[in-house]
């Protein structure tokens, strides 16, 4: 049962990430708003992880979750900053594909 919940969690996380990436790539005005996109992605993942991972536990470890969320915020800021800096070419596609690792973090 818990494995199917984790599957839903990872699928929603991937869809949310790639929808934000599409917004950043498609709309020229969003390229400069990498800080907003990173914070929005972290807030969405905080909600998803709280609902799907933390709440089903009997005794959730909130401190470890907060530390993980801070690390995740740093990684998502770095990811969206790199996407905004490299808007096309091989480096862009490499960074874009490295977003798959951000989904599994």
N, C-alpha and C. Protein backbone atom coordinates (compact mmCIF):
# COMPACT_ATOMS: atom_id res chain seq x y z
N UNK A 1 0.82 -1.20 0.00
CA UNK A 1 0.00 0.00 0.00
C UNK A 1 0.87 1.26 0.00
N UNK A 2 1.91 1.28 0.84
CA UNK A 2 2.75 2.47 0.93
C UNK A 2 3.53 2.69 -0.36
N UNK A 3 3.87 1.60 -1.07
CA UNK A 3 4.59 1.73 -2.34
C UNK A 3 3.72 2.42 -3.40
N UNK A 4 2.43 2.13 -3.41
CA UNK A 4 1.56 2.80 -4.38
C UNK A 4 1.38 4.28 -4.05
N UNK A 5 1.40 4.61 -2.76
CA UNK A 5 1.32 6.01 -2.35
C UNK A 5 2.58 6.74 -2.79
N UNK A 6 3.73 6.10 -2.63
CA UNK A 6 4.98 6.72 -3.07
C UNK A 6 5.02 6.90 -4.58
N UNK A 7 4.43 5.97 -5.31
CA UNK A 7 4.36 6.11 -6.76
C UNK A 7 3.55 7.35 -7.15
N UNK A 8 2.40 7.54 -6.51
CA UNK A 8 1.61 8.75 -6.76
C UNK A 8 2.40 10.01 -6.41
N UNK A 9 3.13 9.96 -5.31
CA UNK A 9 3.93 11.10 -4.87
C UNK A 9 4.99 11.47 -5.91
N UNK A 10 5.74 10.49 -6.40
CA UNK A 10 6.78 10.76 -7.38
C UNK A 10 6.22 11.20 -8.72
N UNK A 11 5.10 10.64 -9.12
CA UNK A 11 4.49 11.05 -10.39
C UNK A 11 4.01 12.50 -10.31
N UNK A 12 3.35 12.87 -9.21
CA UNK A 12 2.89 14.25 -9.05
C UNK A 12 4.07 15.22 -8.94
N UNK A 13 5.13 14.77 -8.29
CA UNK A 13 6.34 15.60 -8.17
C UNK A 13 6.96 15.85 -9.55
N UNK A 14 7.03 14.83 -10.37
CA UNK A 14 7.60 14.96 -11.71
C UNK A 14 6.73 15.85 -12.60
N UNK A 15 5.42 15.67 -12.53
CA UNK A 15 4.51 16.49 -13.34
C UNK A 15 4.62 17.95 -12.92
N UNK A 16 4.68 18.20 -11.62
CA UNK A 16 4.79 19.57 -11.13
C UNK A 16 6.10 20.21 -11.56
N UNK A 17 7.21 19.46 -11.47
CA UNK A 17 8.50 20.00 -11.88
C UNK A 17 8.51 20.35 -13.36
N UNK A 18 8.08 19.44 -14.19
CA UNK A 18 8.15 19.70 -15.62
C UNK A 18 7.12 20.71 -16.09
N UNK A 19 6.04 20.92 -15.34
CA UNK A 19 5.13 22.01 -15.69
C UNK A 19 5.76 23.36 -15.37
N UNK A 20 6.49 23.44 -14.25
CA UNK A 20 7.19 24.69 -13.94
C UNK A 20 8.34 24.95 -14.91
N UNK A 21 9.02 23.89 -15.32
CA UNK A 21 10.09 24.05 -16.31
C UNK A 21 9.50 24.52 -17.64
N UNK A 22 8.37 23.98 -18.01
CA UNK A 22 7.73 24.41 -19.26
C UNK A 22 7.32 25.87 -19.20
N UNK A 23 6.82 26.30 -18.04
CA UNK A 23 6.46 27.71 -17.87
C UNK A 23 7.70 28.58 -18.03
N UNK A 24 8.80 28.16 -17.43
CA UNK A 24 10.02 28.96 -17.50
C UNK A 24 10.57 29.02 -18.92
N UNK A 25 10.48 27.93 -19.64
CA UNK A 25 11.03 27.89 -21.00
C UNK A 25 10.10 28.58 -21.99
N UNK A 26 8.81 28.40 -21.86
CA UNK A 26 7.86 28.92 -22.84
C UNK A 26 7.67 30.43 -22.74
N UNK A 27 7.56 30.95 -21.54
CA UNK A 27 7.28 32.37 -21.36
C UNK A 27 8.58 33.11 -21.06
N UNK A 28 8.90 34.06 -21.91
CA UNK A 28 10.16 34.80 -21.81
C UNK A 28 10.25 35.61 -20.51
N UNK A 29 9.12 36.08 -20.01
CA UNK A 29 9.15 36.89 -18.79
C UNK A 29 9.45 36.07 -17.54
N UNK A 30 9.26 34.77 -17.60
CA UNK A 30 9.50 33.92 -16.42
C UNK A 30 10.96 33.49 -16.29
N UNK A 31 11.79 33.76 -17.26
CA UNK A 31 13.20 33.37 -17.18
C UNK A 31 13.92 34.06 -16.04
N UNK A 32 13.51 35.29 -15.72
CA UNK A 32 14.16 36.04 -14.65
C UNK A 32 13.60 35.71 -13.26
N UNK A 33 12.55 34.93 -13.20
CA UNK A 33 11.89 34.63 -11.93
C UNK A 33 12.24 33.24 -11.41
N UNK A 34 13.51 32.90 -11.47
CA UNK A 34 13.97 31.58 -11.01
C UNK A 34 13.80 31.43 -9.50
N UNK A 35 13.90 32.51 -8.75
CA UNK A 35 13.72 32.44 -7.30
C UNK A 35 12.27 32.10 -6.95
N UNK A 36 11.34 32.73 -7.64
CA UNK A 36 9.92 32.44 -7.43
C UNK A 36 9.59 31.01 -7.80
N UNK A 37 10.11 30.54 -8.94
CA UNK A 37 9.82 29.17 -9.37
C UNK A 37 10.40 28.14 -8.41
N UNK A 38 11.62 28.41 -7.90
CA UNK A 38 12.22 27.50 -6.92
C UNK A 38 11.44 27.47 -5.63
N UNK A 39 10.98 28.62 -5.17
CA UNK A 39 10.19 28.67 -3.93
C UNK A 39 8.83 28.02 -4.14
N UNK A 40 8.21 28.23 -5.30
CA UNK A 40 6.92 27.62 -5.59
C UNK A 40 7.05 26.10 -5.67
N UNK A 41 8.10 25.63 -6.30
CA UNK A 41 8.31 24.18 -6.40
C UNK A 41 8.55 23.58 -5.01
N UNK A 42 9.33 24.24 -4.19
CA UNK A 42 9.59 23.74 -2.85
C UNK A 42 8.32 23.74 -2.00
N UNK A 43 7.50 24.76 -2.13
CA UNK A 43 6.25 24.82 -1.38
C UNK A 43 5.30 23.69 -1.80
N UNK A 44 5.23 23.45 -3.09
CA UNK A 44 4.40 22.35 -3.58
C UNK A 44 4.90 20.99 -3.11
N UNK A 45 6.20 20.80 -3.12
CA UNK A 45 6.78 19.53 -2.67
C UNK A 45 6.63 19.38 -1.16
N UNK A 46 6.70 20.50 -0.43
CA UNK A 46 6.47 20.44 1.02
C UNK A 46 5.06 19.96 1.31
N UNK A 47 4.09 20.47 0.56
CA UNK A 47 2.71 20.02 0.75
C UNK A 47 2.54 18.56 0.37
N UNK A 48 3.08 18.16 -0.77
CA UNK A 48 2.96 16.77 -1.20
C UNK A 48 3.65 15.81 -0.23
N UNK A 49 4.86 16.15 0.20
CA UNK A 49 5.58 15.24 1.09
C UNK A 49 4.95 15.19 2.47
N UNK A 50 4.35 16.29 2.90
CA UNK A 50 3.66 16.27 4.18
C UNK A 50 2.44 15.35 4.12
N UNK A 51 1.69 15.44 3.04
CA UNK A 51 0.48 14.63 2.91
C UNK A 51 0.80 13.16 2.67
N UNK A 52 1.72 12.87 1.76
CA UNK A 52 1.95 11.49 1.35
C UNK A 52 3.01 10.75 2.15
N UNK A 53 3.93 11.46 2.79
CA UNK A 53 5.02 10.78 3.49
C UNK A 53 4.95 10.98 5.00
N UNK A 54 4.75 12.21 5.44
CA UNK A 54 4.83 12.49 6.87
C UNK A 54 3.56 12.11 7.63
N UNK A 55 2.41 12.42 7.11
CA UNK A 55 1.16 12.17 7.83
C UNK A 55 0.83 10.69 8.02
N UNK A 56 1.14 9.80 7.07
CA UNK A 56 0.84 8.39 7.33
C UNK A 56 1.71 7.75 8.42
N UNK A 57 2.80 8.39 8.81
CA UNK A 57 3.67 7.82 9.84
C UNK A 57 3.04 7.97 11.22
N UNK A 58 3.33 7.02 12.10
CA UNK A 58 2.81 7.10 13.47
C UNK A 58 3.46 8.25 14.24
N UNK A 59 4.79 8.32 14.18
CA UNK A 59 5.54 9.39 14.85
C UNK A 59 6.45 10.02 13.80
N UNK A 60 5.98 11.07 13.13
CA UNK A 60 6.82 11.69 12.09
C UNK A 60 7.97 12.48 12.71
N UNK A 61 9.11 12.43 12.03
CA UNK A 61 10.29 13.17 12.45
C UNK A 61 10.31 14.50 11.71
N UNK A 62 9.72 15.51 12.32
CA UNK A 62 9.55 16.80 11.68
C UNK A 62 10.87 17.52 11.48
N UNK A 63 11.82 17.33 12.39
CA UNK A 63 13.11 18.03 12.27
C UNK A 63 13.88 17.52 11.04
N UNK A 64 13.90 16.22 10.83
CA UNK A 64 14.56 15.66 9.65
C UNK A 64 13.86 16.12 8.37
N UNK A 65 12.54 16.23 8.42
CA UNK A 65 11.78 16.70 7.26
C UNK A 65 12.13 18.15 6.94
N UNK A 66 12.29 18.98 7.95
CA UNK A 66 12.65 20.39 7.74
C UNK A 66 14.05 20.52 7.16
N UNK A 67 14.98 19.70 7.63
CA UNK A 67 16.34 19.72 7.09
C UNK A 67 16.33 19.27 5.64
N UNK A 68 15.59 18.22 5.33
CA UNK A 68 15.47 17.75 3.95
C UNK A 68 14.85 18.83 3.08
N UNK A 69 13.85 19.53 3.59
CA UNK A 69 13.19 20.57 2.83
C UNK A 69 14.11 21.75 2.55
N UNK A 70 14.98 22.09 3.50
CA UNK A 70 15.96 23.16 3.28
C UNK A 70 16.96 22.78 2.20
N UNK A 71 17.43 21.54 2.22
CA UNK A 71 18.33 21.06 1.17
C UNK A 71 17.63 21.06 -0.19
N UNK A 72 16.38 20.63 -0.19
CA UNK A 72 15.60 20.59 -1.41
C UNK A 72 15.39 22.00 -1.98
N UNK A 73 15.18 22.97 -1.10
CA UNK A 73 15.02 24.35 -1.53
C UNK A 73 16.29 24.86 -2.22
N UNK A 74 17.44 24.55 -1.64
CA UNK A 74 18.70 24.94 -2.26
C UNK A 74 18.90 24.31 -3.62
N UNK A 75 18.60 23.03 -3.73
CA UNK A 75 18.74 22.34 -5.02
C UNK A 75 17.77 22.87 -6.07
N UNK A 76 16.55 23.15 -5.66
CA UNK A 76 15.58 23.65 -6.64
C UNK A 76 15.94 25.07 -7.10
N UNK A 77 16.48 25.90 -6.19
CA UNK A 77 16.94 27.22 -6.60
C UNK A 77 18.08 27.12 -7.59
N UNK A 78 19.03 26.23 -7.32
CA UNK A 78 20.15 26.02 -8.23
C UNK A 78 19.66 25.51 -9.58
N UNK A 79 18.71 24.60 -9.57
CA UNK A 79 18.19 24.03 -10.81
C UNK A 79 17.53 25.10 -11.68
N UNK A 80 16.64 25.89 -11.09
CA UNK A 80 15.95 26.91 -11.88
C UNK A 80 16.88 28.05 -12.29
N UNK A 81 17.89 28.34 -11.48
CA UNK A 81 18.88 29.35 -11.85
C UNK A 81 19.68 28.89 -13.06
N UNK A 82 20.11 27.62 -13.05
CA UNK A 82 20.86 27.09 -14.19
C UNK A 82 20.00 27.04 -15.44
N UNK A 83 18.72 26.70 -15.30
CA UNK A 83 17.84 26.69 -16.46
C UNK A 83 17.65 28.09 -17.04
N UNK A 84 17.61 29.09 -16.17
CA UNK A 84 17.44 30.44 -16.69
C UNK A 84 18.72 30.98 -17.31
N UNK A 85 19.86 30.52 -16.85
CA UNK A 85 21.14 30.99 -17.38
C UNK A 85 21.43 30.39 -18.76
N UNK A 86 21.21 29.09 -18.88
CA UNK A 86 21.46 28.40 -20.14
C UNK A 86 20.11 28.15 -20.81
N UNK A 87 19.73 29.00 -21.75
CA UNK A 87 18.39 28.89 -22.32
C UNK A 87 18.31 27.99 -23.55
N UNK A 88 19.43 27.58 -24.09
CA UNK A 88 19.41 26.62 -25.21
C UNK A 88 20.79 26.00 -25.35
N UNK A 89 20.84 24.91 -26.06
CA UNK A 89 22.11 24.24 -26.29
C UNK A 89 22.24 22.96 -25.49
N UNK A 90 23.43 22.39 -25.54
CA UNK A 90 23.70 21.11 -24.90
C UNK A 90 23.63 21.23 -23.38
N UNK A 91 24.14 22.33 -22.84
CA UNK A 91 24.13 22.51 -21.38
C UNK A 91 22.69 22.61 -20.88
N UNK A 92 21.83 23.29 -21.63
CA UNK A 92 20.43 23.39 -21.24
C UNK A 92 19.78 22.02 -21.16
N UNK A 93 20.00 21.20 -22.18
CA UNK A 93 19.38 19.87 -22.20
C UNK A 93 19.96 18.97 -21.12
N UNK A 94 21.23 19.14 -20.81
CA UNK A 94 21.83 18.36 -19.73
C UNK A 94 21.21 18.75 -18.40
N UNK A 95 21.07 20.04 -18.16
CA UNK A 95 20.45 20.50 -16.91
C UNK A 95 18.99 20.07 -16.85
N UNK A 96 18.31 20.15 -17.97
CA UNK A 96 16.91 19.74 -18.02
C UNK A 96 16.75 18.26 -17.66
N UNK A 97 17.62 17.42 -18.20
CA UNK A 97 17.55 16.00 -17.88
C UNK A 97 18.00 15.69 -16.46
N UNK A 98 18.85 16.52 -15.89
CA UNK A 98 19.24 16.33 -14.49
C UNK A 98 18.10 16.64 -13.53
N UNK A 99 17.05 17.25 -14.04
CA UNK A 99 15.86 17.48 -13.23
C UNK A 99 15.20 16.18 -12.79
N UNK A 100 15.45 15.11 -13.53
CA UNK A 100 14.93 13.80 -13.13
C UNK A 100 15.52 13.40 -11.79
N UNK A 101 16.79 13.75 -11.56
CA UNK A 101 17.40 13.47 -10.26
C UNK A 101 16.76 14.29 -9.15
N UNK A 102 16.32 15.50 -9.48
CA UNK A 102 15.65 16.34 -8.49
C UNK A 102 14.31 15.73 -8.09
N UNK A 103 13.68 15.02 -9.00
CA UNK A 103 12.42 14.37 -8.66
C UNK A 103 12.65 13.23 -7.66
N UNK A 104 13.74 12.51 -7.78
CA UNK A 104 13.97 11.37 -6.91
C UNK A 104 14.68 11.74 -5.62
N UNK A 105 15.10 13.01 -5.46
CA UNK A 105 15.77 13.43 -4.23
C UNK A 105 14.80 13.55 -3.10
